[in-house]
C-alpha atoms as a PDB file:
ATOM      1  CA  MET A   1       0.000   0.000   0.000  1.00  0.00           C
ATOM      2  CA  ILE A   2       1.303   3.407  -0.959  1.00  0.00           C
ATOM      3  CA  GLU A   3       2.282   5.771   1.851  1.00  0.00           C
ATOM      4  CA  LEU A   4       3.182   9.124   0.316  1.00  0.00           C
ATOM      5  CA  PHE A   5       6.779  10.154   1.105  1.00  0.00           C
ATOM      6  CA  LYS A   6       7.319   6.932   3.074  1.00  0.00           C
ATOM      7  CA  ASN A   7       7.484   4.484   0.167  1.00  0.00           C
ATOM      8  CA  SER A   8       6.336   6.453  -2.891  1.00  0.00           C
ATOM      9  CA  TYR A   9       6.454   9.948  -4.325  1.00  0.00           C
ATOM     10  CA  VAL A  10       3.213   9.452  -6.242  1.00  0.00           C
ATOM     11  CA  THR A  11      -0.238   8.233  -5.287  1.00  0.00           C
ATOM     12  CA  LEU A  12      -2.153   5.855  -7.513  1.00  0.00           C
ATOM     13  CA  GLU A  13      -4.644   8.641  -8.264  1.00  0.00           C
ATOM     14  CA  THR A  14      -1.875  11.004  -9.368  1.00  0.00           C
ATOM     15  CA  ALA A  15      -0.354   8.332 -11.613  1.00  0.00           C
ATOM     16  CA  ASP A  16      -3.718   7.455 -13.136  1.00  0.00           C
ATOM     17  CA  TYR A  17      -4.285  11.148 -13.911  1.00  0.00           C
ATOM     18  CA  TYR A  18      -0.792  11.386 -15.454  1.00  0.00           C
ATOM     19  CA  PHE A  19      -1.394   8.390 -17.700  1.00  0.00           C
ATOM     20  CA  ASP A  20      -4.857   9.613 -18.705  1.00  0.00           C
ATOM     21  CA  GLU A  21      -3.051  12.431 -20.520  1.00  0.00           C
ATOM     22  CA  ARG A  22      -0.145  10.382 -21.931  1.00  0.00           C
ATOM     23  CA  LEU A  23      -0.037   8.527 -25.232  1.00  0.00           C
ATOM     24  CA  HIS A  24       0.973   4.852 -25.328  1.00  0.00           C
ATOM     25  CA  SER A  25       0.039   4.061 -21.746  1.00  0.00           C
ATOM     26  CA  ASP A  26      -2.084   0.995 -22.500  1.00  0.00           C
ATOM     27  CA  VAL A  27       0.048  -1.216 -20.254  1.00  0.00           C
ATOM     28  CA  TRP A  28      -0.703   1.074 -17.306  1.00  0.00           C
ATOM     29  CA  THR A  29      -4.424   1.086 -18.023  1.00  0.00           C
ATOM     30  CA  ALA A  30      -4.542  -2.727 -18.338  1.00  0.00           C
ATOM     31  CA  THR A  31      -2.630  -3.348 -15.092  1.00  0.00           C
ATOM     32  CA  GLU A  32      -4.391  -4.166 -11.809  1.00  0.00           C
ATOM     33  CA  GLU A  33      -4.206  -1.603  -8.996  1.00  0.00           C
ATOM     34  CA  ALA A  34      -2.000  -3.738  -6.743  1.00  0.00           C
ATOM     35  CA  GLN A  35       0.601  -4.091  -9.518  1.00  0.00           C
ATOM     36  CA  LYS A  36       0.406  -0.361 -10.277  1.00  0.00           C
ATOM     37  CA  GLU A  37       1.072   0.459  -6.626  1.00  0.00           C
ATOM     38  CA  CYS A  38       3.987  -1.974  -6.556  1.00  0.00           C
ATOM     39  CA  ALA A  39       5.439  -0.382  -9.701  1.00  0.00           C
ATOM     40  CA  LEU A  40       5.125   3.122  -8.207  1.00  0.00           C
ATOM     41  CA  ILE A  41       6.821   2.008  -4.985  1.00  0.00           C
ATOM     42  CA  CYS A  42       9.645   0.271  -6.878  1.00  0.00           C
ATOM     43  CA  ALA A  43      10.119   3.268  -9.183  1.00  0.00           C
ATOM     44  CA  SER A  44      10.190   5.639  -6.199  1.00  0.00           C
ATOM     45  CA  ARG A  45      12.843   3.477  -4.524  1.00  0.00           C
ATOM     46  CA  LYS A  46      14.969   3.536  -7.668  1.00  0.00           C
ATOM     47  CA  LEU A  47      14.709   7.308  -7.924  1.00  0.00           C
ATOM     48  CA  ASP A  48      15.348   7.632  -4.194  1.00  0.00           C
ATOM     49  CA  ASN A  49      18.832   6.151  -4.636  1.00  0.00           C
ATOM     50  CA  LEU A  50      20.012   9.034  -6.813  1.00  0.00           C
ATOM     51  CA  ASN A  51      22.176  11.891  -5.525  1.00  0.00           C
ATOM     52  CA  TYR A  52      19.953  14.990  -5.621  1.00  0.00           C
ATOM     53  CA  LEU A  53      20.705  18.672  -5.251  1.00  0.00           C
ATOM     54  CA  GLY A  54      19.543  20.390  -2.083  1.00  0.00           C
ATOM     55  CA  ASP A  55      18.955  18.835   1.302  1.00  0.00           C
ATOM     56  CA  LYS A  56      16.212  16.751   2.843  1.00  0.00           C
ATOM     57  CA  LYS A  57      13.562  18.949   4.424  1.00  0.00           C
ATOM     58  CA  ASN A  58      13.843  16.913   7.653  1.00  0.00           C
ATOM     59  CA  ALA A  59      16.967  14.909   8.440  1.00  0.00           C
ATOM     60  CA  GLY A  60      14.943  11.934   9.720  1.00  0.00           C
ATOM     61  CA  GLN A  61      12.572  11.589   6.768  1.00  0.00           C
ATOM     62  CA  PRO A  62      12.685   8.147   5.144  1.00  0.00           C
ATOM     63  CA  MET A  63      12.987   9.322   1.526  1.00  0.00           C
ATOM     64  CA  ALA A  64      15.047  11.918  -0.345  1.00  0.00           C
ATOM     65  CA  PHE A  65      12.030  14.199  -0.913  1.00  0.00           C
ATOM     66  CA  PRO A  66      10.684  16.655   0.082  1.00  0.00           C
ATOM     67  CA  ARG A  67      13.896  18.661  -0.296  1.00  0.00           C
ATOM     68  CA  VAL A  68      15.011  22.231   0.214  1.00  0.00           C
ATOM     69  CA  PHE A  69      16.475  23.924  -2.873  1.00  0.00           C
ATOM     70  CA  GLY A  70      17.643  27.382  -1.821  1.00  0.00           C
ATOM     71  CA  GLN A  71      14.421  29.231  -0.978  1.00  0.00           C
ATOM     72  CA  ASN A  72      12.189  26.541  -2.503  1.00  0.00           C
ATOM     73  CA  GLU A  73      11.163  23.258  -0.960  1.00  0.00           C
ATOM     74  CA  GLY A  74       9.027  20.257  -1.787  1.00  0.00           C
ATOM     75  CA  ILE A  75       9.045  17.820  -4.661  1.00  0.00           C
ATOM     76  CA  PRO A  76       9.402  19.026  -8.246  1.00  0.00           C
ATOM     77  CA  ALA A  77       6.758  17.886 -10.733  1.00  0.00           C
ATOM     78  CA  ASP A  78       9.647  16.399 -12.754  1.00  0.00           C
ATOM     79  CA  ILE A  79      10.290  13.875  -9.985  1.00  0.00           C
ATOM     80  CA  GLU A  80       6.629  12.833  -9.813  1.00  0.00           C
ATOM     81  CA  GLN A  81       6.515  12.440 -13.604  1.00  0.00           C
ATOM     82  CA  ALA A  82       9.779  10.469 -13.554  1.00  0.00           C
ATOM     83  CA  VAL A  83       8.276   8.039 -11.024  1.00  0.00           C
ATOM     84  CA  CYS A  84       5.335   7.488 -13.375  1.00  0.00           C
ATOM     85  CA  GLU A  85       7.618   6.949 -16.385  1.00  0.00           C
ATOM     86  CA  GLU A  86       9.878   4.540 -14.498  1.00  0.00           C
ATOM     87  CA  ALA A  87       6.852   2.649 -13.134  1.00  0.00           C
ATOM     88  CA  LEU A  88       5.561   2.206 -16.685  1.00  0.00           C
ATOM     89  CA  ALA A  89       8.987   1.022 -17.853  1.00  0.00           C
ATOM     90  CA  LEU A  90       9.081  -1.495 -14.998  1.00  0.00           C
ATOM     91  CA  LEU A  91       5.685  -2.853 -16.010  1.00  0.00           C
ATOM     92  CA  GLU A  92       6.655  -3.013 -19.697  1.00  0.00           C
ATOM     93  CA  ASN A  93      10.270  -4.187 -19.495  1.00  0.00           C
ATOM     94  CA  GLY A  94      11.254  -4.837 -15.894  1.00  0.00           C
ATOM     95  CA  ASP A  95      11.169  -8.611 -16.238  1.00  0.00           C
ATOM     96  CA  SER A  96      12.503  -8.881 -19.785  1.00  0.00           C
ATOM     97  CA  VAL A  97      15.506 -11.044 -20.561  1.00  0.00           C
ATOM     98  CA  HIS A  98      17.242  -7.994 -22.055  1.00  0.00           C
ATOM     99  CA  THR A  99      16.825  -5.990 -18.838  1.00  0.00           C
ATOM    100  CA  LYS A 100      18.175  -8.906 -16.816  1.00  0.00           C
ATOM    101  CA  ASN A 101      21.139  -9.326 -19.193  1.00  0.00           C
ATOM    102  CA  ARG A 102      22.072  -5.643 -18.902  1.00  0.00           C
ATOM    103  CA  ALA A 103      21.766  -5.775 -15.108  1.00  0.00           C
ATOM    104  CA  MET A 104      24.198  -8.718 -15.065  1.00  0.00           C
ATOM    105  CA  GLY A 105      26.674  -6.772 -17.181  1.00  0.00           C
ATOM    106  CA  ILE A 106      26.261  -8.883 -20.309  1.00  0.00           C
ATOM    107  CA  GLN A 107      27.390  -6.882 -23.335  1.00  0.00           C
ATOM    108  CA  SER A 108      26.151  -9.116 -26.136  1.00  0.00           C
ATOM    109  CA  VAL A 109      24.337 -12.375 -26.846  1.00  0.00           C
ATOM    110  CA  THR A 110      24.659 -14.492 -29.983  1.00  0.00           C
ATOM    111  CA  LEU A 111      22.318 -17.320 -30.904  1.00  0.00           C
ATOM    112  CA  GLY A 112      23.131 -18.824 -34.272  1.00  0.00           C
ATOM    113  CA  SER A 113      23.199 -16.011 -36.816  1.00  0.00           C
ATOM    114  CA  ALA A 114      21.251 -13.579 -34.592  1.00  0.00           C
ATOM    115  CA  SER A 115      22.919 -11.323 -32.061  1.00  0.00           C
ATOM    116  CA  VAL A 116      21.995  -8.557 -29.652  1.00  0.00           C
ATOM    117  CA  SER A 117      24.427  -5.993 -28.272  1.00  0.00           C
ATOM    118  CA  TYR A 118      23.717  -3.907 -25.185  1.00  0.00           C
ATOM    119  CA  SER A 119      25.057  -0.421 -24.734  1.00  0.00           C
ATOM    120  CA  GLU A 120      26.251   0.711 -21.345  1.00  0.00           C
ATOM    121  CA  MET A 121      23.402   2.040 -19.202  1.00  0.00           C
ATOM    122  CA  LYS A 122      24.041   5.731 -18.694  1.00  0.00           C
ATOM    123  CA  GLN A 123      20.750   6.425 -17.002  1.00  0.00           C
ATOM    124  CA  GLU A 124      21.735   5.929 -13.355  1.00  0.00           C
ATOM    125  CA  GLY A 125      20.170   2.460 -13.341  1.00  0.00           C
ATOM    126  CA  LEU A 126      16.756   3.637 -14.551  1.00  0.00           C
ATOM    127  CA  LEU A 127      14.960   1.678 -17.255  1.00  0.00           C
ATOM    128  CA  SER A 128      13.218   4.747 -18.653  1.00  0.00           C
ATOM    129  CA  SER A 129      15.292   7.275 -20.568  1.00  0.00           C
ATOM    130  CA  GLU A 130      12.383   9.712 -20.141  1.00  0.00           C
ATOM    131  CA  ALA A 131      12.535   9.307 -16.352  1.00  0.00           C
ATOM    132  CA  TYR A 132      16.263   9.977 -16.438  1.00  0.00           C
ATOM    133  CA  ARG A 133      15.773  13.056 -18.612  1.00  0.00           C
ATOM    134  CA  LEU A 134      13.249  14.385 -16.091  1.00  0.00           C
ATOM    135  CA  VAL A 135      15.452  13.853 -13.011  1.00  0.00           C
ATOM    136  CA  SER A 136      18.845  14.722 -14.518  1.00  0.00           C
ATOM    137  CA  LYS A 137      18.489  18.466 -13.886  1.00  0.00           C
ATOM    138  CA  TRP A 138      17.930  17.748 -10.181  1.00  0.00           C
ATOM    139  CA  LEU A 139      21.026  15.540  -9.755  1.00  0.00           C
ATOM    140  CA  ARG A 140      24.383  16.483  -8.282  1.00  0.00           C
ATOM    141  CA  LYS A 141      27.127  16.144 -10.833  1.00  0.00           C
ATOM    142  CA  GLY A 142      29.685  14.753  -8.391  1.00  0.00           C
ATOM    143  CA  PHE A 143      30.127  13.528  -4.821  1.00  0.00           C
ATOM    144  CA  ASP A 144      31.500  15.543  -1.901  1.00  0.00           C
ATOM    145  CA  ILE A 145      33.938  13.046  -0.407  1.00  0.00           C
ATOM    146  CA  THR A 146      35.072  15.594   2.211  1.00  0.00           C
ATOM    147  CA  ASN A 147      31.691  15.569   3.945  1.00  0.00           C
ATOM    148  CA  PRO A 148      29.956  12.204   3.467  1.00  0.00           C
ATOM    149  CA  THR A 149      26.744  11.586   5.356  1.00  0.00           C
ATOM    150  CA  PHE A 150      25.656   8.210   6.594  1.00  0.00           C
ATOM    151  CA  ALA A 151      22.236   7.135   7.791  1.00  0.00           C
ATOM    152  CA  GLU A 152      21.406   4.196   9.996  1.00  0.00           C
ATOM    153  CA  ALA A 153      19.462   1.383   8.353  1.00  0.00           C
ATOM    154  CA  ASP A 154      15.974   0.778   9.713  1.00  0.00           C
END
């Protein structure tokens, strides 16, 4: 079950509204609610592992957002949209043999005269290039090794 800002950045209602206005979202529409929620939670977790600009609004919050960006705070619409795009990609391709091969670091597969080559994933581990495009402007471009922060695992 979705708990906003505890395990997901997007509610099922928000995602349904997003996909109502998006072309080629038949997979989303045909998916049962429980699977949709699972996809949104998984997508939020994937996005939560990225290194974002700004700081968490509250140090003890379980997820990276809401964040403080200078004088602004909250969650950018880009992040919510990226969760939806990544959730759709997980439903469409998350269990494909090609996704599994790339995750294992396989660069190419040859079967008889047919072959498939995989390019290096440059999307921070996201399946959706659209999700990556949406979040990329909110990502830090390096890591501050002089001041690392560590959080205790739950």
